[in-house]
């Protein structure tokens, strides 16, 4: 697997964890986890575009 794909999978898992935290209403941590997950997904997209 390429680094972009691995980063995308990790980013989506982190976003899913943020959704669970948000559903449990653990608000400050949920916001941070969602932001980190979004940054990982954006970085994976840039890595995938660089490899093309």
N, C-alpha and C. Protein backbone atom coordinates (compact mmCIF):
# COMPACT_ATOMS: atom_id res chain seq x y z
N UNK A 1 0.83 -1.19 0.00
CA UNK A 1 0.00 0.00 0.00
C UNK A 1 0.87 1.24 0.00
N UNK A 2 0.35 2.26 -0.65
CA UNK A 2 1.07 3.52 -0.70
C UNK A 2 0.79 4.33 0.55
N UNK A 3 1.66 5.30 0.80
CA UNK A 3 1.54 6.12 2.01
C UNK A 3 0.24 6.93 2.01
N UNK A 4 -0.19 7.40 0.85
CA UNK A 4 -1.43 8.17 0.77
C UNK A 4 -2.64 7.35 1.17
N UNK A 5 -2.67 6.09 0.75
CA UNK A 5 -3.80 5.22 1.10
C UNK A 5 -3.81 4.89 2.59
N UNK A 6 -2.65 4.65 3.14
CA UNK A 6 -2.55 4.34 4.57
C UNK A 6 -2.97 5.54 5.40
N UNK A 7 -2.53 6.72 4.99
CA UNK A 7 -2.90 7.94 5.71
C UNK A 7 -4.40 8.21 5.60
N UNK A 8 -4.99 7.88 4.45
CA UNK A 8 -6.43 8.05 4.27
C UNK A 8 -7.20 7.13 5.21
N UNK A 9 -6.78 5.90 5.31
CA UNK A 9 -7.46 4.94 6.20
C UNK A 9 -7.34 5.39 7.66
N UNK A 10 -6.16 5.80 8.06
CA UNK A 10 -5.96 6.27 9.44
C UNK A 10 -6.80 7.52 9.69
N UNK A 11 -6.85 8.42 8.73
CA UNK A 11 -7.65 9.63 8.87
C UNK A 11 -9.14 9.33 9.02
N UNK A 12 -9.63 8.38 8.24
CA UNK A 12 -11.04 8.02 8.34
C UNK A 12 -11.36 7.34 9.67
N UNK A 13 -10.44 6.56 10.19
CA UNK A 13 -10.64 5.93 11.50
C UNK A 13 -10.67 7.00 12.59
N UNK A 14 -9.79 7.99 12.47
CA UNK A 14 -9.77 9.08 13.46
C UNK A 14 -11.05 9.90 13.38
N UNK A 15 -11.55 10.15 12.17
CA UNK A 15 -12.81 10.88 12.02
C UNK A 15 -13.95 10.07 12.63
N UNK A 16 -13.96 8.75 12.42
CA UNK A 16 -15.00 7.91 13.01
C UNK A 16 -14.94 7.96 14.54
N UNK A 17 -13.74 7.97 15.08
CA UNK A 17 -13.60 8.09 16.54
C UNK A 17 -14.12 9.44 17.02
N UNK A 18 -13.90 10.50 16.24
CA UNK A 18 -14.43 11.80 16.59
C UNK A 18 -15.95 11.85 16.56
N UNK A 19 -16.53 11.12 15.61
CA UNK A 19 -17.99 11.05 15.55
C UNK A 19 -18.55 10.33 16.78
N UNK A 20 -17.89 9.27 17.20
CA UNK A 20 -18.33 8.54 18.39
C UNK A 20 -18.21 9.43 19.62
N UNK A 21 -17.11 10.14 19.75
CA UNK A 21 -16.94 11.05 20.89
C UNK A 21 -17.98 12.17 20.86
N UNK A 22 -18.30 12.63 19.68
CA UNK A 22 -19.32 13.68 19.57
C UNK A 22 -20.69 13.15 19.94
N UNK A 23 -20.97 11.91 19.58
CA UNK A 23 -22.26 11.31 19.93
C UNK A 23 -22.37 11.10 21.43
N UNK A 24 -21.25 10.80 22.09
CA UNK A 24 -21.23 10.62 23.54
C UNK A 24 -21.18 11.96 24.27
N UNK A 25 -21.12 13.06 23.52
CA UNK A 25 -21.08 14.43 24.02
C UNK A 25 -19.86 14.69 24.90
N UNK A 26 -18.72 14.23 24.42
CA UNK A 26 -17.44 14.57 25.03
C UNK A 26 -16.86 15.66 24.14
N UNK A 27 -17.40 16.85 24.27
CA UNK A 27 -17.23 17.90 23.28
C UNK A 27 -15.81 18.41 23.05
N UNK A 28 -15.04 18.80 24.05
CA UNK A 28 -13.75 19.40 23.70
C UNK A 28 -12.84 18.42 22.96
N UNK A 29 -12.83 17.17 23.39
CA UNK A 29 -11.96 16.19 22.75
C UNK A 29 -12.49 15.81 21.38
N UNK A 30 -13.79 15.76 21.21
CA UNK A 30 -14.38 15.39 19.92
C UNK A 30 -13.99 16.41 18.84
N UNK A 31 -13.99 17.67 19.19
CA UNK A 31 -13.63 18.70 18.22
C UNK A 31 -12.19 18.54 17.77
N UNK A 32 -11.29 18.31 18.71
CA UNK A 32 -9.88 18.14 18.36
C UNK A 32 -9.66 16.90 17.51
N UNK A 33 -10.32 15.81 17.85
CA UNK A 33 -10.15 14.57 17.10
C UNK A 33 -10.69 14.74 15.68
N UNK A 34 -11.81 15.42 15.52
CA UNK A 34 -12.36 15.64 14.18
C UNK A 34 -11.44 16.51 13.34
N UNK A 35 -10.83 17.52 13.94
CA UNK A 35 -9.91 18.38 13.20
C UNK A 35 -8.67 17.60 12.78
N UNK A 36 -8.12 16.79 13.66
CA UNK A 36 -6.94 15.99 13.32
C UNK A 36 -7.28 15.00 12.21
N UNK A 37 -8.44 14.38 12.28
CA UNK A 37 -8.86 13.45 11.23
C UNK A 37 -9.01 14.14 9.89
N UNK A 38 -9.57 15.34 9.89
CA UNK A 38 -9.73 16.09 8.64
C UNK A 38 -8.37 16.47 8.05
N UNK A 39 -7.44 16.85 8.90
CA UNK A 39 -6.09 17.20 8.42
C UNK A 39 -5.41 15.97 7.82
N UNK A 40 -5.57 14.81 8.44
CA UNK A 40 -4.98 13.59 7.89
C UNK A 40 -5.57 13.24 6.53
N UNK A 41 -6.87 13.41 6.37
CA UNK A 41 -7.50 13.11 5.09
C UNK A 41 -7.01 14.08 4.02
N UNK A 42 -6.86 15.35 4.35
CA UNK A 42 -6.37 16.33 3.38
C UNK A 42 -4.92 16.01 3.01
N UNK A 43 -4.10 15.66 3.98
CA UNK A 43 -2.71 15.31 3.70
C UNK A 43 -2.61 14.06 2.83
N UNK A 44 -3.49 13.10 3.06
CA UNK A 44 -3.46 11.89 2.23
C UNK A 44 -3.81 12.23 0.79
N UNK A 45 -4.75 13.15 0.60
CA UNK A 45 -5.09 13.57 -0.76
C UNK A 45 -3.92 14.25 -1.45
N UNK A 46 -3.18 15.07 -0.71
CA UNK A 46 -2.03 15.73 -1.33
C UNK A 46 -0.92 14.73 -1.65
N UNK A 47 -0.73 13.74 -0.80
CA UNK A 47 0.27 12.71 -1.08
C UNK A 47 -0.13 11.88 -2.30
N UNK A 48 -1.42 11.58 -2.41
CA UNK A 48 -1.88 10.79 -3.56
C UNK A 48 -1.74 11.58 -4.85
N UNK A 49 -1.98 12.88 -4.82
CA UNK A 49 -1.84 13.71 -6.01
C UNK A 49 -0.38 13.87 -6.39
N UNK A 50 0.50 13.92 -5.41
CA UNK A 50 1.93 14.04 -5.69
C UNK A 50 2.46 12.79 -6.36
N UNK A 51 1.93 11.62 -6.01
CA UNK A 51 2.42 10.37 -6.58
C UNK A 51 1.94 10.13 -8.01
N UNK A 52 0.93 10.86 -8.45
CA UNK A 52 0.43 10.65 -9.82
C UNK A 52 1.31 11.28 -10.86
